[in-house]
Protein backbone atom coordinates (compact mmCIF):
# COMPACT_ATOMS: atom_id res chain seq x y z
CA UNK A 1 -40.66 237.92 -136.61
CA UNK A 2 -39.04 237.12 -133.38
CA UNK A 3 -38.34 233.56 -132.56
CA UNK A 4 -40.64 233.43 -129.55
CA UNK A 5 -43.54 234.57 -131.70
CA UNK A 6 -42.76 231.85 -134.21
CA UNK A 7 -42.72 229.27 -131.47
CA UNK A 8 -45.95 230.60 -130.09
CA UNK A 9 -47.52 230.62 -133.53
CA UNK A 10 -46.29 227.11 -134.18
CA UNK A 11 -47.75 225.96 -130.87
CA UNK A 12 -51.10 227.57 -131.67
CA UNK A 13 -51.23 225.99 -135.11
CA UNK A 14 -50.26 222.61 -133.64
CA UNK A 15 -52.84 223.00 -130.95
CA UNK A 16 -55.43 223.94 -133.55
CA UNK A 17 -54.53 220.94 -135.76
CA UNK A 18 -54.45 218.66 -132.75
CA UNK A 19 -57.86 219.94 -131.63
CA UNK A 20 -59.32 219.37 -135.14
CA UNK A 21 -58.02 215.83 -135.10
CA UNK A 22 -59.51 215.34 -131.62
CA UNK A 23 -62.93 216.49 -132.90
CA UNK A 24 -62.64 214.07 -135.78
CA UNK A 25 -61.64 211.24 -133.45
CA UNK A 26 -64.48 212.14 -131.11
CA UNK A 27 -66.94 211.98 -134.02
CA UNK A 28 -65.54 208.60 -135.06
CA UNK A 29 -65.74 207.38 -131.48
CA UNK A 30 -69.37 208.58 -131.20
CA UNK A 31 -70.22 206.80 -134.47
CA UNK A 32 -68.57 203.60 -133.19
CA UNK A 33 -70.47 203.84 -129.90
CA UNK A 34 -73.75 204.38 -131.75
CA UNK A 35 -73.07 201.36 -134.01
CA UNK A 36 -72.11 199.27 -130.99
CA UNK A 37 -75.30 200.34 -129.18
CA UNK A 38 -77.43 199.35 -132.20
CA UNK A 39 -75.68 195.96 -132.36
CA UNK A 40 -76.29 195.44 -128.63
CA UNK A 41 -80.01 196.22 -129.10
CA UNK A 42 -80.26 193.77 -132.01
CA UNK A 43 -78.43 191.15 -129.95
CA UNK A 44 -80.77 191.74 -126.98
CA UNK A 45 -83.82 191.27 -129.22
CA UNK A 46 -82.40 188.05 -130.67
CA UNK A 47 -81.54 186.82 -127.18
CA UNK A 48 -85.13 187.51 -126.02
CA UNK A 49 -86.52 185.66 -129.07
CA UNK A 50 -84.18 182.75 -128.36
CA UNK A 51 -85.28 182.61 -124.70
CA UNK A 52 -88.93 182.65 -125.78
CA UNK A 53 -88.29 179.78 -128.22
CA UNK A 54 -86.53 177.79 -125.50
CA UNK A 55 -89.47 178.29 -123.13
CA UNK A 56 -91.90 177.22 -125.88
CA UNK A 57 -89.83 174.12 -126.62
CA UNK A 58 -89.64 173.24 -122.92
CA UNK A 59 -93.40 173.66 -122.52
CA UNK A 60 -94.01 171.36 -125.51
CA UNK A 61 -91.74 168.69 -124.05
CA UNK A 62 -93.40 169.09 -120.66
CA UNK A 63 -96.85 168.59 -122.21
CA UNK A 64 -95.72 165.39 -123.89
CA UNK A 65 -94.81 163.90 -120.54
CA UNK A 66 -98.03 165.20 -118.95
CA UNK A 67 -100.23 164.21 -121.89
CA UNK A 68 -103.68 162.75 -121.38
CA UNK A 69 -103.83 158.98 -121.22
CA UNK A 70 -106.71 157.63 -123.27
CA UNK A 71 -108.40 154.75 -121.46
CA UNK A 72 -108.69 151.38 -123.17
CA UNK A 73 -110.48 148.15 -122.32
CA UNK A 74 -108.16 145.30 -121.29
CA UNK A 75 -107.68 142.58 -123.94
CA UNK A 76 -109.75 140.05 -121.95
CA UNK A 77 -112.78 142.41 -122.01
CA UNK A 78 -112.36 143.89 -125.51
CA UNK A 79 -114.56 142.42 -128.23
CA UNK A 80 -117.99 140.80 -128.58
CA UNK A 81 -120.13 139.23 -125.86
CA UNK A 82 -123.61 137.71 -125.95
CA UNK A 83 -125.72 139.66 -123.49
CA UNK A 84 -128.83 138.46 -121.67
CA UNK A 85 -130.81 141.13 -119.80
CA UNK A 86 -133.78 140.22 -117.52
CA UNK A 87 -136.08 142.73 -115.79
CA UNK A 88 -136.11 142.03 -112.03
CA UNK A 89 -137.83 145.16 -110.63
CA UNK A 90 -140.04 147.80 -112.24
CA UNK A 91 -142.51 150.54 -111.44
CA UNK A 92 -142.59 151.68 -115.11
CA UNK A 93 -145.35 150.68 -117.52
CA UNK A 94 -142.71 150.20 -120.29
CA UNK A 95 -140.88 147.40 -118.41
CA UNK A 96 -142.44 144.22 -117.00
CA UNK A 97 -140.72 141.98 -114.47
CA UNK A 98 -139.51 138.84 -116.24
CA UNK A 99 -139.04 140.50 -119.65
CA UNK A 100 -135.77 139.39 -121.20
CA UNK A 101 -133.68 140.40 -124.14
CA UNK A 102 -130.61 138.87 -125.82
CA UNK A 103 -128.24 141.12 -127.77
CA UNK A 104 -124.60 141.32 -128.85
CA UNK A 105 -122.47 143.66 -126.72
CA UNK A 106 -119.17 144.85 -128.17
CA UNK A 107 -116.54 146.49 -125.97
CA UNK A 108 -114.63 148.96 -128.19
CA UNK A 109 -111.87 151.54 -127.84
CA UNK A 110 -111.85 154.70 -129.92
CA UNK A 111 -109.56 157.69 -129.93
CA UNK A 112 -111.44 159.41 -127.09
CA UNK A 113 -112.96 156.84 -124.77
CA UNK A 114 -113.95 153.29 -124.00
CA UNK A 115 -117.50 152.35 -124.93
CA UNK A 116 -119.88 149.45 -125.50
CA UNK A 117 -122.02 149.08 -128.62
CA UNK A 118 -125.19 146.98 -128.28
CA UNK A 119 -126.52 145.26 -131.43
CA UNK A 120 -129.87 143.58 -132.01
CA UNK A 121 -130.22 141.61 -135.24
CA UNK A 122 -127.02 143.26 -136.57
CA UNK A 123 -128.42 146.78 -135.99
CA UNK A 124 -126.76 149.16 -133.56
CA UNK A 125 -129.29 149.81 -130.80
CA UNK A 126 -127.26 151.88 -128.33
CA UNK A 127 -123.76 153.01 -127.40
CA UNK A 128 -122.81 153.23 -123.73
CA UNK A 129 -119.93 155.38 -122.54
CA UNK A 130 -117.85 153.22 -120.23
CA UNK A 131 -114.95 152.98 -117.85
CA UNK A 132 -113.18 150.33 -115.81
CA UNK A 133 -112.46 151.32 -112.19
CA UNK A 134 -111.57 149.18 -109.20
CA UNK A 135 -112.40 145.94 -111.07
CA UNK A 136 -115.87 147.24 -111.96
CA UNK A 137 -117.20 148.27 -115.35
CA UNK A 138 -119.47 151.32 -115.29
CA UNK A 139 -121.55 152.13 -118.37
CA UNK A 140 -123.91 155.03 -118.99
CA UNK A 141 -126.37 156.12 -121.65
CA UNK A 142 -128.54 159.22 -121.45
CA UNK A 143 -130.95 160.66 -124.00
CA UNK A 144 -130.37 164.33 -124.78
CA UNK A 145 -132.54 167.04 -123.24
CA UNK A 146 -134.52 167.56 -126.46
CA UNK A 147 -135.86 164.00 -126.43
CA UNK A 148 -139.58 163.55 -125.59
CA UNK A 149 -138.68 160.70 -123.22
CA UNK A 150 -135.77 161.33 -120.85
CA UNK A 151 -134.00 158.04 -120.24
CA UNK A 152 -130.94 157.51 -118.05
CA UNK A 153 -129.35 154.03 -118.10
CA UNK A 154 -126.59 153.04 -115.69
CA UNK A 155 -124.94 149.65 -115.72
CA UNK A 156 -122.62 148.29 -113.04
CA UNK A 157 -120.80 145.10 -114.00
CA UNK A 158 -118.94 143.90 -110.93
CA UNK A 159 -118.47 140.15 -111.52
CA UNK A 160 -115.82 139.94 -114.23
CA UNK A 161 -114.04 136.84 -115.53
CA UNK A 162 -112.53 135.84 -118.88
CA UNK A 163 -115.74 134.07 -120.02
CA UNK A 164 -118.55 135.77 -118.07
CA UNK A 165 -119.43 139.29 -116.87
CA UNK A 166 -122.40 139.94 -114.58
CA UNK A 167 -124.05 142.92 -112.97
CA UNK A 168 -127.16 145.06 -113.12
CA UNK A 169 -128.67 147.83 -115.21
CA UNK A 170 -130.89 150.55 -113.76
CA UNK A 171 -133.13 152.59 -116.06
CA UNK A 172 -134.83 155.82 -114.97
CA UNK A 173 -137.52 157.28 -117.26
CA UNK A 174 -138.56 160.96 -117.02
CA UNK A 175 -137.24 161.02 -113.44
CA UNK A 176 -140.46 159.40 -112.17
CA UNK A 177 -140.10 155.63 -112.65
CA UNK A 178 -137.31 153.08 -112.73
CA UNK A 179 -136.57 149.49 -113.65
CA UNK A 180 -133.73 147.16 -112.64
CA UNK A 181 -132.35 144.39 -114.85
CA UNK A 182 -129.86 141.60 -114.25
CA UNK A 183 -127.15 141.57 -116.91
CA UNK A 184 -125.11 138.53 -117.92
CA UNK A 185 -122.55 138.64 -120.72
CA UNK A 186 -120.95 135.48 -122.11
CA UNK A 187 -117.88 135.61 -124.33
CA UNK A 188 -118.93 135.15 -127.96
CA UNK A 189 -117.13 132.44 -129.89
CA UNK A 190 -114.60 134.02 -132.23
């Protein structure tokens, strides 16, 4: 075999071996790229989950600072008062001008609102929903729509001191008659 043929044959074999190794390297490179791509996808998913958790955490912290403030009665109003209510005006047959009533009124705070419980002879008679705005106490009681007698009571107490609270109560019955009462509350002895 002539020398040039040997060289040519050697070159072909080398080229063939080199090309086989290149295919193998290419396969390894493809496998590495595929593995890297899978890792990038997993990382992207974890990053998205992390971002979602951060947003959730931030929204929870934001809600704490924006949370609802539950109203409470001031200390000088909170507690028991002796209440005297006198009818001053009426066009209802149930209420006569001059009628008076003395009860215990208790200003209480609960987890949802401020309210006033009215007791007669140690029995709870009524609970008014209440609020304090602009140095005035506003109380309301309304029977539910299934009641045979629809009563709406609104109280405005606008003279407030540490020992005495005064104002008026307006009662509307079945939307066709009303009565007005003067209200005076004196601080009960503790």
